[in-house]
Amino acid sequence: MSDDSTAGGMVAAERERRLERYEAFAAGVREDYGSAVRQMDDLRAQGRVKTATYRQLFAYKSTLGEILDRLEECGL
């Protein structure tokens, strides 16, 4: 086995690990986005849309939405 094939295998393995980490990141962002939406829905049902918590969740949801848009543009 030559050094080139070993190095190529290591590069491919590292790419696979990186892709797995990106996919885990994307799944976490989607989960957090869904959680923020659910919390906002609960607060909205209670008529608490002017609270600091609701506004913080709105900002967080917006940020996560932007991240999800970028991930989708990249095919993740």
N, C-alpha and C. Protein backbone atom coordinates (compact mmCIF):
# COMPACT_ATOMS: atom_id res chain seq x y z
N MET A 1 0.85 -1.18 0.00
CA MET A 1 0.00 0.00 0.00
C MET A 1 0.89 1.24 0.00
N SER A 2 0.65 2.14 -0.94
CA SER A 2 1.50 3.33 -1.04
C SER A 2 1.03 4.39 -0.08
N ASP A 3 1.92 5.36 0.15
CA ASP A 3 1.59 6.48 1.04
C ASP A 3 0.43 7.30 0.48
N ASP A 4 0.35 7.39 -0.86
CA ASP A 4 -0.72 8.17 -1.48
C ASP A 4 -2.09 7.58 -1.17
N SER A 5 -2.23 6.25 -1.23
CA SER A 5 -3.53 5.64 -0.96
C SER A 5 -3.90 5.77 0.51
N THR A 6 -2.92 5.67 1.38
CA THR A 6 -3.18 5.85 2.80
C THR A 6 -3.61 7.28 3.08
N ALA A 7 -2.93 8.22 2.51
CA ALA A 7 -3.29 9.63 2.70
C ALA A 7 -4.66 9.91 2.11
N GLY A 8 -4.95 9.35 0.95
CA GLY A 8 -6.26 9.53 0.34
C GLY A 8 -7.37 8.96 1.19
N GLY A 9 -7.11 7.80 1.79
CA GLY A 9 -8.10 7.18 2.67
C GLY A 9 -8.34 8.01 3.91
N MET A 10 -7.26 8.60 4.43
CA MET A 10 -7.40 9.45 5.62
C MET A 10 -8.19 10.71 5.28
N VAL A 11 -7.94 11.27 4.11
CA VAL A 11 -8.67 12.47 3.68
C VAL A 11 -10.14 12.14 3.50
N ALA A 12 -10.43 11.01 2.87
CA ALA A 12 -11.83 10.61 2.67
C ALA A 12 -12.52 10.37 4.01
N ALA A 13 -11.82 9.73 4.94
CA ALA A 13 -12.41 9.48 6.26
C ALA A 13 -12.67 10.79 6.99
N GLU A 14 -11.76 11.72 6.88
CA GLU A 14 -11.96 13.03 7.53
C GLU A 14 -13.14 13.76 6.89
N ARG A 15 -13.26 13.68 5.59
CA ARG A 15 -14.42 14.31 4.91
C ARG A 15 -15.72 13.69 5.39
N GLU A 16 -15.73 12.38 5.56
CA GLU A 16 -16.93 11.69 6.05
C GLU A 16 -17.27 12.16 7.46
N ARG A 17 -16.27 12.27 8.32
CA ARG A 17 -16.51 12.75 9.70
C ARG A 17 -17.01 14.19 9.69
N ARG A 18 -16.45 15.01 8.83
CA ARG A 18 -16.91 16.40 8.74
C ARG A 18 -18.36 16.47 8.28
N LEU A 19 -18.71 15.67 7.28
CA LEU A 19 -20.09 15.64 6.80
C LEU A 19 -21.04 15.19 7.91
N GLU A 20 -20.64 14.18 8.66
CA GLU A 20 -21.47 13.72 9.78
C GLU A 20 -21.67 14.83 10.80
N ARG A 21 -20.61 15.60 11.07
CA ARG A 21 -20.74 16.72 12.03
C ARG A 21 -21.64 17.80 11.47
N TYR A 22 -21.53 18.10 10.19
CA TYR A 22 -22.42 19.09 9.57
C TYR A 22 -23.87 18.63 9.64
N GLU A 23 -24.10 17.36 9.37
CA GLU A 23 -25.47 16.83 9.41
C GLU A 23 -26.01 16.87 10.84
N ALA A 24 -25.17 16.56 11.82
CA ALA A 24 -25.60 16.64 13.23
C ALA A 24 -25.91 18.09 13.60
N PHE A 25 -25.09 19.01 13.13
CA PHE A 25 -25.32 20.44 13.37
C PHE A 25 -26.66 20.86 12.77
N ALA A 26 -26.91 20.48 11.53
CA ALA A 26 -28.15 20.84 10.84
C ALA A 26 -29.35 20.26 11.58
N ALA A 27 -29.25 19.02 12.03
CA ALA A 27 -30.35 18.40 12.77
C ALA A 27 -30.60 19.14 14.08
N GLY A 28 -29.54 19.54 14.76
CA GLY A 28 -29.68 20.29 16.00
C GLY A 28 -30.34 21.64 15.79
N VAL A 29 -29.97 22.31 14.72
CA VAL A 29 -30.57 23.61 14.41
C VAL A 29 -32.06 23.43 14.11
N ARG A 30 -32.40 22.40 13.35
CA ARG A 30 -33.83 22.14 13.05
C ARG A 30 -34.61 21.85 14.32
N GLU A 31 -34.01 21.08 15.22
CA GLU A 31 -34.67 20.75 16.48
C GLU A 31 -34.87 22.01 17.32
N ASP A 32 -33.84 22.83 17.42
CA ASP A 32 -33.94 24.08 18.19
C ASP A 32 -34.98 25.02 17.59
N TYR A 33 -35.03 25.08 16.26
CA TYR A 33 -36.01 25.92 15.58
C TYR A 33 -37.43 25.47 15.94
N GLY A 34 -37.67 24.17 15.86
CA GLY A 34 -38.98 23.63 16.20
C GLY A 34 -39.35 23.89 17.64
N SER A 35 -38.39 23.78 18.53
CA SER A 35 -38.63 24.04 19.94
C SER A 35 -39.00 25.51 20.17
N ALA A 36 -38.29 26.40 19.51
CA ALA A 36 -38.58 27.83 19.64
C ALA A 36 -39.98 28.14 19.13
N VAL A 37 -40.36 27.54 18.01
CA VAL A 37 -41.69 27.75 17.45
C VAL A 37 -42.77 27.26 18.43
N ARG A 38 -42.55 26.08 19.01
CA ARG A 38 -43.52 25.54 19.97
C ARG A 38 -43.65 26.44 21.20
N GLN A 39 -42.52 26.92 21.71
CA GLN A 39 -42.56 27.80 22.87
C GLN A 39 -43.27 29.11 22.54
N MET A 40 -43.01 29.64 21.35
CA MET A 40 -43.69 30.87 20.94
C MET A 40 -45.19 30.64 20.80
N ASP A 41 -45.57 29.49 20.25
CA ASP A 41 -46.99 29.16 20.12
C ASP A 41 -47.66 29.10 21.49
N ASP A 42 -46.97 28.49 22.46
CA ASP A 42 -47.52 28.41 23.82
C ASP A 42 -47.71 29.81 24.42
N LEU A 43 -46.70 30.65 24.26
CA LEU A 43 -46.79 32.02 24.78
C LEU A 43 -47.90 32.79 24.07
N ARG A 44 -48.00 32.61 22.76
CA ARG A 44 -49.04 33.30 21.98
C ARG A 44 -50.42 32.88 22.47
N ALA A 45 -50.59 31.59 22.76
CA ALA A 45 -51.88 31.08 23.24
C ALA A 45 -52.24 31.69 24.60
N GLN A 46 -51.22 32.07 25.36
CA GLN A 46 -51.43 32.69 26.67
C GLN A 46 -51.55 34.21 26.57
N GLY A 47 -51.45 34.74 25.35
CA GLY A 47 -51.53 36.18 25.17
C GLY A 47 -50.29 36.92 25.64
N ARG A 48 -49.15 36.24 25.62
CA ARG A 48 -47.91 36.82 26.15
C ARG A 48 -46.92 37.15 25.03
N VAL A 49 -47.41 37.78 23.97
CA VAL A 49 -46.55 38.08 22.83
C VAL A 49 -45.70 39.34 23.04
N LYS A 50 -45.96 40.08 24.09
CA LYS A 50 -45.18 41.29 24.34
C LYS A 50 -44.13 41.09 25.44
N THR A 51 -43.94 39.86 25.86
CA THR A 51 -42.97 39.59 26.91
C THR A 51 -41.55 39.54 26.35
N ALA A 52 -40.60 39.72 27.25
CA ALA A 52 -39.19 39.63 26.84
C ALA A 52 -38.86 38.23 26.34
N THR A 53 -39.43 37.24 26.99
CA THR A 53 -39.17 35.85 26.58
C THR A 53 -39.62 35.62 25.15
N TYR A 54 -40.81 36.09 24.81
CA TYR A 54 -41.33 35.91 23.46
C TYR A 54 -40.43 36.62 22.45
N ARG A 55 -40.01 37.81 22.79
CA ARG A 55 -39.14 38.56 21.87
C ARG A 55 -37.79 37.89 21.70
N GLN A 56 -37.26 37.33 22.78
CA GLN A 56 -35.99 36.62 22.68
C GLN A 56 -36.16 35.37 21.81
N LEU A 57 -37.25 34.67 22.00
CA LEU A 57 -37.51 33.49 21.17
C LEU A 57 -37.68 33.88 19.70
N PHE A 58 -38.34 35.01 19.46
CA PHE A 58 -38.52 35.47 18.09
C PHE A 58 -37.16 35.74 17.44
N ALA A 59 -36.27 36.41 18.16
CA ALA A 59 -34.94 36.69 17.63
C ALA A 59 -34.16 35.40 17.40
N TYR A 60 -34.25 34.48 18.34
CA TYR A 60 -33.57 33.19 18.23
C TYR A 60 -34.10 32.41 17.03
N LYS A 61 -35.42 32.37 16.89
CA LYS A 61 -36.04 31.67 15.75
C LYS A 61 -35.60 32.30 14.43
N SER A 62 -35.53 33.61 14.39
CA SER A 62 -35.10 34.30 13.17
C SER A 62 -33.67 33.93 12.81
N THR A 63 -32.80 33.91 13.81
CA THR A 63 -31.40 33.54 13.59
C THR A 63 -31.30 32.10 13.09
N LEU A 64 -32.02 31.20 13.75
CA LEU A 64 -32.00 29.80 13.34
C LEU A 64 -32.57 29.65 11.93
N GLY A 65 -33.58 30.42 11.61
CA GLY A 65 -34.16 30.38 10.27
C GLY A 65 -33.14 30.77 9.20
N GLU A 66 -32.34 31.79 9.50
CA GLU A 66 -31.29 32.20 8.56
C GLU A 66 -30.26 31.09 8.38
N ILE A 67 -29.89 30.45 9.47
CA ILE A 67 -28.93 29.34 9.39
C ILE A 67 -29.51 28.21 8.56
N LEU A 68 -30.79 27.89 8.80
CA LEU A 68 -31.43 26.81 8.03
C LEU A 68 -31.50 27.16 6.55
N ASP A 69 -31.77 28.42 6.23
CA ASP A 69 -31.79 28.84 4.83
C ASP A 69 -30.44 28.61 4.18
N ARG A 70 -29.38 28.97 4.88
CA ARG A 70 -28.04 28.78 4.33
C ARG A 70 -27.68 27.31 4.19
N LEU A 71 -28.07 26.50 5.18
CA LEU A 71 -27.82 25.07 5.08
C LEU A 71 -28.56 24.49 3.88
N GLU A 72 -29.79 24.92 3.67
CA GLU A 72 -30.58 24.43 2.53
C GLU A 72 -29.94 24.84 1.20
N GLU A 73 -29.43 26.06 1.14
CA GLU A 73 -28.76 26.52 -0.08
C GLU A 73 -27.55 25.63 -0.41
N CYS A 74 -26.92 25.10 0.66
CA CYS A 74 -25.73 24.24 0.47
C CYS A 74 -26.10 22.78 0.34
N GLY A 75 -27.39 22.48 0.35
CA GLY A 75 -27.81 21.09 0.21
C GLY A 75 -27.72 20.27 1.47
N LEU A 76 -27.65 20.94 2.61
CA LEU A 76 -27.60 20.23 3.88
C LEU A 76 -28.91 20.36 4.58
